[in-house]
C-alpha cells in the first residue's frame, strides 16, 4: 500500500499586497486574518486587527486558533522578519488543520507568510494608522 503526503501550500504576500487587502473593505476575522507570532518583540507596534499567537506557546494554542479561524479564507502569518517563526507557524497551522479534515475534504484556506515580516511592514507603513498601531520610534531606530 502506498501513501501520499502532500505538503501544505504556503505562499508569500508582500507588505504592499497586505496593505491593499486591508484597505479594500474586507473585514479582519471574516475575509482575512493576520497572525502575529512574535514574542517579546511584539512591543513597538503591530498590524491593526492582528491576532497575537506568540511562538513561545504556539503549539499549545494552534488547535484553538484553527477553531476560531477555520472559516476565514486568507490566513497571513508573520514574525519580525518572517524568516523562521512566521513560516514555521504557517506550516504548523496548515498541517494541523489538514489533519483535522474529513477524508476526501480539501482545505479551502489560503495560507500566506508576510514577506519581510513586521520589520518591513512597519518600515513602509508606520505612519498609516489604518495599517499600524502602537508604533514606537525608540524600538525601531536603526531598522
N, C-alpha and C. Protein backbone atom coordinates (compact mmCIF):
# COMPACT_ATOMS: atom_id res chain seq x y z
N UNK A 1 0.85 -1.17 0.00
CA UNK A 1 0.00 0.00 0.00
C UNK A 1 0.89 1.24 0.00
N UNK A 2 0.60 2.14 -0.88
CA UNK A 2 1.38 3.38 -0.93
C UNK A 2 0.55 4.50 -0.35
N UNK A 3 1.23 5.39 0.28
CA UNK A 3 0.54 6.56 0.81
C UNK A 3 1.20 7.80 0.22
N UNK A 4 0.41 8.82 0.09
CA UNK A 4 0.96 10.06 -0.43
C UNK A 4 0.82 11.13 0.62
N UNK A 5 1.81 11.96 0.69
CA UNK A 5 1.76 13.10 1.60
C UNK A 5 1.90 14.35 0.77
N UNK A 6 1.00 15.23 0.93
CA UNK A 6 1.05 16.50 0.21
C UNK A 6 1.34 17.60 1.22
N UNK A 7 2.47 18.24 1.05
CA UNK A 7 2.81 19.34 1.95
C UNK A 7 1.84 20.50 1.72
N UNK A 8 1.50 21.20 2.79
CA UNK A 8 0.59 22.33 2.65
C UNK A 8 1.18 23.39 1.72
N UNK A 9 0.32 24.04 0.98
CA UNK A 9 0.74 25.09 0.07
C UNK A 9 0.75 26.42 0.82
N UNK A 10 1.94 26.97 0.98
CA UNK A 10 2.10 28.24 1.68
C UNK A 10 2.80 29.21 0.73
N UNK A 11 2.21 30.37 0.58
CA UNK A 11 2.75 31.38 -0.32
C UNK A 11 3.15 32.62 0.47
N UNK A 12 3.84 33.51 -0.21
CA UNK A 12 4.21 34.78 0.40
C UNK A 12 3.30 35.89 -0.12
N UNK A 13 3.07 36.88 0.75
CA UNK A 13 2.34 38.08 0.39
C UNK A 13 3.25 39.26 0.72
N UNK A 14 3.31 40.23 -0.15
CA UNK A 14 4.17 41.39 0.08
C UNK A 14 3.48 42.37 1.04
N UNK A 15 4.25 43.23 1.70
CA UNK A 15 3.63 44.25 2.54
C UNK A 15 2.63 45.12 1.76
N UNK A 16 2.95 45.45 0.53
CA UNK A 16 2.04 46.28 -0.28
C UNK A 16 0.74 45.52 -0.57
N UNK A 17 0.84 44.24 -0.90
CA UNK A 17 -0.37 43.45 -1.16
C UNK A 17 -1.23 43.37 0.10
N UNK A 18 -0.61 43.17 1.27
CA UNK A 18 -1.37 43.13 2.51
C UNK A 18 -2.02 44.48 2.79
N UNK A 19 -1.31 45.56 2.57
CA UNK A 19 -1.89 46.88 2.81
C UNK A 19 -3.10 47.11 1.91
N UNK A 20 -3.01 46.67 0.66
CA UNK A 20 -4.14 46.81 -0.27
C UNK A 20 -5.32 45.96 0.18
N UNK A 21 -5.05 44.74 0.67
CA UNK A 21 -6.12 43.88 1.19
C UNK A 21 -6.80 44.55 2.37
N UNK A 22 -6.00 45.10 3.29
CA UNK A 22 -6.55 45.72 4.49
C UNK A 22 -7.39 46.96 4.17
N UNK A 23 -7.07 47.66 3.09
CA UNK A 23 -7.79 48.88 2.72
C UNK A 23 -8.88 48.64 1.68
N UNK A 24 -9.10 47.38 1.33
CA UNK A 24 -10.05 47.05 0.27
C UNK A 24 -11.49 46.95 0.74
N UNK A 25 -11.72 47.12 2.04
CA UNK A 25 -13.07 46.97 2.56
C UNK A 25 -13.33 45.58 3.11
N UNK A 26 -12.37 44.68 2.95
CA UNK A 26 -12.51 43.33 3.51
C UNK A 26 -12.35 43.43 5.03
N UNK A 27 -12.99 42.49 5.73
CA UNK A 27 -13.03 42.54 7.19
C UNK A 27 -12.08 41.53 7.82
N UNK A 28 -11.28 42.01 8.83
CA UNK A 28 -10.46 41.05 9.58
C UNK A 28 -11.35 40.06 10.32
N UNK A 29 -10.90 38.84 10.42
CA UNK A 29 -11.60 37.72 11.08
C UNK A 29 -12.79 37.22 10.27
N UNK A 30 -13.09 37.86 9.16
CA UNK A 30 -14.14 37.36 8.27
C UNK A 30 -13.54 37.02 6.91
N UNK A 31 -12.82 37.96 6.32
CA UNK A 31 -12.23 37.77 5.00
C UNK A 31 -10.76 37.39 5.05
N UNK A 32 -10.09 37.81 6.11
CA UNK A 32 -8.67 37.51 6.28
C UNK A 32 -8.31 37.63 7.76
N UNK A 33 -7.21 37.02 8.14
CA UNK A 33 -6.68 37.16 9.49
C UNK A 33 -5.17 37.32 9.39
N UNK A 34 -4.63 38.28 10.12
CA UNK A 34 -3.19 38.44 10.25
C UNK A 34 -2.80 37.86 11.60
N UNK A 35 -1.93 36.86 11.59
CA UNK A 35 -1.48 36.19 12.81
C UNK A 35 -0.05 36.65 13.11
N UNK A 36 0.14 37.28 14.25
CA UNK A 36 1.45 37.79 14.68
C UNK A 36 2.02 36.81 15.70
N UNK A 37 3.12 36.14 15.36
CA UNK A 37 3.69 35.13 16.25
C UNK A 37 4.94 35.64 16.99
N UNK A 38 5.15 36.96 16.99
CA UNK A 38 6.28 37.50 17.75
C UNK A 38 6.06 37.30 19.24
N UNK A 39 7.16 37.21 19.96
CA UNK A 39 7.11 37.06 21.41
C UNK A 39 7.32 38.44 22.05
N UNK A 40 8.43 38.62 22.81
CA UNK A 40 8.70 39.91 23.44
C UNK A 40 8.85 41.02 22.39
N UNK A 41 9.26 40.64 21.20
CA UNK A 41 9.47 41.63 20.15
C UNK A 41 8.15 42.18 19.58
N UNK A 42 7.03 41.81 20.19
CA UNK A 42 5.73 42.38 19.82
C UNK A 42 5.65 43.85 20.21
N UNK A 43 6.41 44.23 21.24
CA UNK A 43 6.43 45.62 21.69
C UNK A 43 6.94 46.51 20.57
N UNK A 44 6.39 47.66 20.45
CA UNK A 44 6.87 48.60 19.45
C UNK A 44 5.93 48.78 18.28
N UNK A 45 4.83 48.05 18.28
CA UNK A 45 3.84 48.23 17.23
C UNK A 45 3.36 46.92 16.66
N UNK A 46 2.23 46.99 15.98
CA UNK A 46 1.66 45.80 15.35
C UNK A 46 0.72 46.19 14.22
N UNK A 47 0.38 45.21 13.43
CA UNK A 47 -0.57 45.40 12.34
C UNK A 47 -1.97 45.50 12.94
N UNK A 48 -2.72 46.49 12.53
CA UNK A 48 -4.07 46.70 13.05
C UNK A 48 -4.93 45.46 12.81
N UNK A 49 -5.61 45.02 13.87
CA UNK A 49 -6.52 43.88 13.76
C UNK A 49 -5.86 42.52 13.80
N UNK A 50 -4.55 42.49 14.07
CA UNK A 50 -3.88 41.18 14.09
C UNK A 50 -4.32 40.35 15.29
N UNK A 51 -4.14 39.05 15.16
CA UNK A 51 -4.36 38.13 16.26
C UNK A 51 -2.98 37.73 16.76
N UNK A 52 -2.74 37.91 18.04
CA UNK A 52 -1.44 37.58 18.61
C UNK A 52 -1.44 36.12 19.02
N UNK A 53 -0.43 35.39 18.53
CA UNK A 53 -0.25 33.97 18.85
C UNK A 53 1.24 33.72 19.04
N UNK A 54 1.80 34.12 20.20
CA UNK A 54 3.25 34.05 20.40
C UNK A 54 3.83 32.67 20.11
N UNK A 55 4.98 32.68 19.45
CA UNK A 55 5.61 31.41 19.06
C UNK A 55 6.02 30.58 20.27
N UNK A 56 6.27 31.24 21.41
CA UNK A 56 6.73 30.51 22.60
C UNK A 56 5.70 29.50 23.11
N UNK A 57 4.42 29.71 22.84
CA UNK A 57 3.41 28.73 23.25
C UNK A 57 2.47 28.38 22.09
N UNK A 58 2.93 28.58 20.87
CA UNK A 58 2.10 28.38 19.68
C UNK A 58 1.58 26.95 19.57
N UNK A 59 2.42 25.97 19.86
CA UNK A 59 2.00 24.57 19.70
C UNK A 59 0.84 24.22 20.62
N UNK A 60 0.71 24.90 21.75
CA UNK A 60 -0.40 24.61 22.66
C UNK A 60 -1.65 25.41 22.32
N UNK A 61 -1.54 26.38 21.42
CA UNK A 61 -2.69 27.21 21.09
C UNK A 61 -3.17 27.05 19.65
N UNK A 62 -2.43 26.30 18.84
CA UNK A 62 -2.78 26.21 17.41
C UNK A 62 -4.16 25.59 17.19
N UNK A 63 -4.55 24.60 18.00
CA UNK A 63 -5.88 24.00 17.84
C UNK A 63 -6.99 25.03 18.06
N UNK A 64 -6.83 25.85 19.08
CA UNK A 64 -7.81 26.90 19.36
C UNK A 64 -7.84 27.92 18.23
N UNK A 65 -6.67 28.26 17.72
CA UNK A 65 -6.58 29.21 16.60
C UNK A 65 -7.31 28.66 15.37
N UNK A 66 -7.13 27.38 15.10
CA UNK A 66 -7.82 26.75 13.96
C UNK A 66 -9.33 26.82 14.15
N UNK A 67 -9.80 26.52 15.36
CA UNK A 67 -11.24 26.56 15.63
C UNK A 67 -11.81 27.95 15.38
N UNK A 68 -11.07 28.99 15.78
CA UNK A 68 -11.55 30.36 15.65
C UNK A 68 -11.49 30.88 14.21
N UNK A 69 -10.61 30.30 13.39
CA UNK A 69 -10.35 30.88 12.07
C UNK A 69 -10.65 29.93 10.91
N UNK A 70 -11.24 28.79 11.19
CA UNK A 70 -11.41 27.75 10.15
C UNK A 70 -12.24 28.22 8.95
N UNK A 71 -13.09 29.21 9.13
CA UNK A 71 -13.93 29.68 8.02
C UNK A 71 -13.39 30.94 7.34
N UNK A 72 -12.24 31.40 7.76
CA UNK A 72 -11.64 32.61 7.18
C UNK A 72 -10.82 32.20 5.96
N UNK A 73 -11.07 32.78 4.79
CA UNK A 73 -10.41 32.30 3.57
C UNK A 73 -8.92 32.59 3.45
N UNK A 74 -8.42 33.67 4.06
CA UNK A 74 -6.99 34.01 3.94
C UNK A 74 -6.37 34.13 5.33
N UNK A 75 -5.29 33.39 5.54
CA UNK A 75 -4.52 33.44 6.78
C UNK A 75 -3.14 33.99 6.44
N UNK A 76 -2.72 35.04 7.14
CA UNK A 76 -1.43 35.67 6.87
C UNK A 76 -0.62 35.66 8.16
N UNK A 77 0.50 34.95 8.14
CA UNK A 77 1.36 34.79 9.32
C UNK A 77 2.59 35.67 9.19
N UNK A 78 3.06 36.17 10.33
CA UNK A 78 4.33 36.90 10.32
C UNK A 78 4.96 36.91 11.70
N UNK A 79 6.26 37.15 11.69
CA UNK A 79 7.01 37.45 12.91
C UNK A 79 7.77 38.74 12.61
N UNK A 80 8.93 38.93 13.20
CA UNK A 80 9.67 40.17 12.96
C UNK A 80 10.17 40.24 11.52
N UNK A 81 10.80 39.17 11.04
CA UNK A 81 11.37 39.15 9.70
C UNK A 81 10.71 38.14 8.77
N UNK A 82 9.87 37.28 9.33
CA UNK A 82 9.22 36.19 8.57
C UNK A 82 10.24 35.27 7.91
N UNK A 83 11.28 34.95 8.67
CA UNK A 83 12.28 34.00 8.18
C UNK A 83 12.19 32.66 8.89
N UNK A 84 11.78 32.66 10.17
CA UNK A 84 11.71 31.41 10.92
C UNK A 84 10.36 31.20 11.59
N UNK A 85 10.05 32.02 12.59
CA UNK A 85 8.83 31.79 13.37
C UNK A 85 7.56 31.91 12.54
N UNK A 86 7.46 32.93 11.70
CA UNK A 86 6.26 33.10 10.87
C UNK A 86 6.03 31.95 9.92
N UNK A 87 7.05 31.58 9.11
CA UNK A 87 6.87 30.44 8.21
C UNK A 87 6.59 29.13 8.94
N UNK A 88 7.25 28.91 10.08
CA UNK A 88 7.01 27.67 10.84
C UNK A 88 5.58 27.65 11.37
N UNK A 89 5.11 28.77 11.90
CA UNK A 89 3.74 28.83 12.41
C UNK A 89 2.73 28.58 11.30
N UNK A 90 2.98 29.12 10.12
CA UNK A 90 2.08 28.90 8.97
C UNK A 90 2.05 27.42 8.61
N UNK A 91 3.23 26.79 8.58
CA UNK A 91 3.31 25.36 8.24
C UNK A 91 2.60 24.51 9.29
N UNK A 92 2.85 24.78 10.57
CA UNK A 92 2.20 24.02 11.65
C UNK A 92 0.69 24.20 11.59
N UNK A 93 0.24 25.42 11.36
CA UNK A 93 -1.20 25.68 11.24
C UNK A 93 -1.79 24.85 10.11
N UNK A 94 -1.17 24.92 8.94
CA UNK A 94 -1.69 24.21 7.76
C UNK A 94 -1.69 22.70 7.97
N UNK A 95 -0.61 22.17 8.52
CA UNK A 95 -0.54 20.72 8.75
C UNK A 95 -1.56 20.27 9.78
N UNK A 96 -1.69 21.02 10.87
CA UNK A 96 -2.65 20.67 11.92
C UNK A 96 -4.07 20.76 11.38
N UNK A 97 -4.36 21.81 10.64
CA UNK A 97 -5.68 21.97 10.03
C UNK A 97 -5.97 20.82 9.07
N UNK A 98 -5.00 20.48 8.23
CA UNK A 98 -5.19 19.40 7.26
C UNK A 98 -5.45 18.07 7.96
N UNK A 99 -4.81 17.84 9.10
CA UNK A 99 -5.02 16.60 9.85
C UNK A 99 -6.42 16.52 10.44
N UNK A 100 -7.10 17.64 10.59
CA UNK A 100 -8.45 17.66 11.14
C UNK A 100 -9.54 17.52 10.07
N UNK A 101 -9.14 17.56 8.80
CA UNK A 101 -10.12 17.45 7.72
C UNK A 101 -10.68 16.04 7.64
N UNK A 102 -11.91 15.95 7.20
CA UNK A 102 -12.52 14.64 6.95
C UNK A 102 -11.89 14.02 5.71
N UNK A 103 -11.88 12.69 5.61
CA UNK A 103 -11.31 12.04 4.42
C UNK A 103 -11.95 12.60 3.14
N UNK A 104 -11.12 12.95 2.19
CA UNK A 104 -11.60 13.49 0.92
C UNK A 104 -11.86 14.98 0.93
N UNK A 105 -11.87 15.59 2.11
CA UNK A 105 -12.11 17.03 2.21
C UNK A 105 -10.85 17.79 1.81
N UNK A 106 -11.03 18.87 1.08
CA UNK A 106 -9.90 19.68 0.62
C UNK A 106 -9.88 20.99 1.38
N UNK A 107 -8.71 21.42 1.85
CA UNK A 107 -8.65 22.70 2.56
C UNK A 107 -8.98 23.86 1.61
N UNK A 108 -9.73 24.82 2.12
CA UNK A 108 -10.12 25.95 1.28
C UNK A 108 -9.38 27.23 1.66
N UNK A 109 -8.71 27.22 2.79
CA UNK A 109 -7.98 28.42 3.21
C UNK A 109 -6.71 28.61 2.39
N UNK A 110 -6.40 29.86 2.13
CA UNK A 110 -5.11 30.22 1.54
C UNK A 110 -4.21 30.65 2.68
N UNK A 111 -3.01 30.08 2.74
CA UNK A 111 -2.06 30.37 3.81
C UNK A 111 -0.91 31.19 3.24
N UNK A 112 -0.63 32.32 3.88
CA UNK A 112 0.43 33.22 3.42
C UNK A 112 1.39 33.54 4.56
N UNK A 113 2.61 33.91 4.18
CA UNK A 113 3.59 34.47 5.10
C UNK A 113 3.91 35.88 4.58
N UNK A 114 3.92 36.84 5.48
CA UNK A 114 4.20 38.22 5.11
C UNK A 114 5.69 38.38 4.83
N UNK A 115 6.02 38.65 3.60
CA UNK A 115 7.43 38.81 3.20
C UNK A 115 8.05 40.00 3.94
N UNK A 116 9.18 39.75 4.59
CA UNK A 116 9.86 40.81 5.34
C UNK A 116 9.34 41.01 6.75
N UNK A 117 8.25 40.33 7.10
CA UNK A 117 7.70 40.40 8.44
C UNK A 117 7.25 41.80 8.83
N UNK A 118 7.06 41.97 10.15
CA UNK A 118 6.62 43.27 10.63
C UNK A 118 7.70 44.33 10.45
N UNK A 119 8.96 43.92 10.45
CA UNK A 119 10.04 44.88 10.27
C UNK A 119 9.87 45.65 8.96
N UNK A 120 9.62 44.94 7.89
CA UNK A 120 9.44 45.59 6.59
C UNK A 120 8.10 46.32 6.52
N UNK A 121 7.04 45.70 7.07
CA UNK A 121 5.71 46.31 7.04
C UNK A 121 5.73 47.66 7.76
N UNK A 122 6.32 47.70 8.96
CA UNK A 122 6.34 48.97 9.70
C UNK A 122 7.23 50.00 9.04
N UNK A 123 8.30 49.54 8.37
CA UNK A 123 9.17 50.48 7.66
C UNK A 123 8.38 51.24 6.59
N UNK A 124 7.50 50.52 5.92
CA UNK A 124 6.72 51.12 4.83
C UNK A 124 5.49 51.88 5.31
N UNK A 125 4.85 51.38 6.39
CA UNK A 125 3.51 51.87 6.73
C UNK A 125 3.35 52.37 8.16
N UNK A 126 4.44 52.62 8.88
CA UNK A 126 4.35 53.02 10.29
C UNK A 126 3.51 54.27 10.51
N UNK A 127 3.43 55.14 9.52
CA UNK A 127 2.68 56.39 9.67
C UNK A 127 1.22 56.28 9.25
N UNK A 128 0.78 55.09 8.89
CA UNK A 128 -0.60 54.89 8.45
C UNK A 128 -1.39 54.20 9.56
N UNK A 129 -2.24 54.94 10.29
CA UNK A 129 -2.98 54.37 11.42
C UNK A 129 -4.01 53.31 11.02
N UNK A 130 -4.31 53.20 9.76
CA UNK A 130 -5.22 52.14 9.30
C UNK A 130 -4.48 50.80 9.26
N UNK A 131 -3.15 50.86 9.13
CA UNK A 131 -2.34 49.65 8.97
C UNK A 131 -1.51 49.28 10.18
N UNK A 132 -0.96 50.28 10.89
CA UNK A 132 -0.06 50.02 12.02
C UNK A 132 -0.54 50.79 13.24
N UNK A 133 -0.53 50.12 14.40
CA UNK A 133 -0.90 50.77 15.65
C UNK A 133 0.19 50.53 16.70
N UNK A 134 0.21 51.39 17.69
CA UNK A 134 1.13 51.28 18.84
C UNK A 134 2.60 51.33 18.43
N UNK A 135 2.89 51.97 17.31
CA UNK A 135 4.27 52.05 16.83
C UNK A 135 5.07 52.96 17.74
N UNK A 136 6.28 52.49 18.10
CA UNK A 136 7.16 53.26 18.99
C UNK A 136 8.50 53.48 18.31
N UNK A 137 8.81 54.72 18.05
CA UNK A 137 10.03 55.09 17.34
C UNK A 137 11.28 54.52 17.99
N UNK A 138 11.36 54.58 19.32
CA UNK A 138 12.57 54.14 20.01
C UNK A 138 12.86 52.65 19.81
N UNK A 139 11.84 51.87 19.56
CA UNK A 139 12.04 50.43 19.32
C UNK A 139 12.63 50.20 17.94
N UNK A 140 12.27 51.02 16.98
CA UNK A 140 12.62 50.77 15.58
C UNK A 140 13.79 51.61 15.06
N UNK A 141 14.39 52.44 15.90
CA UNK A 141 15.56 53.19 15.45
C UNK A 141 16.65 52.21 15.07
N UNK A 142 17.23 52.41 13.91
CA UNK A 142 18.29 51.53 13.45
C UNK A 142 17.82 50.42 12.53
N UNK A 143 16.50 50.31 12.34
CA UNK A 143 15.99 49.28 11.42
C UNK A 143 15.71 49.88 10.07
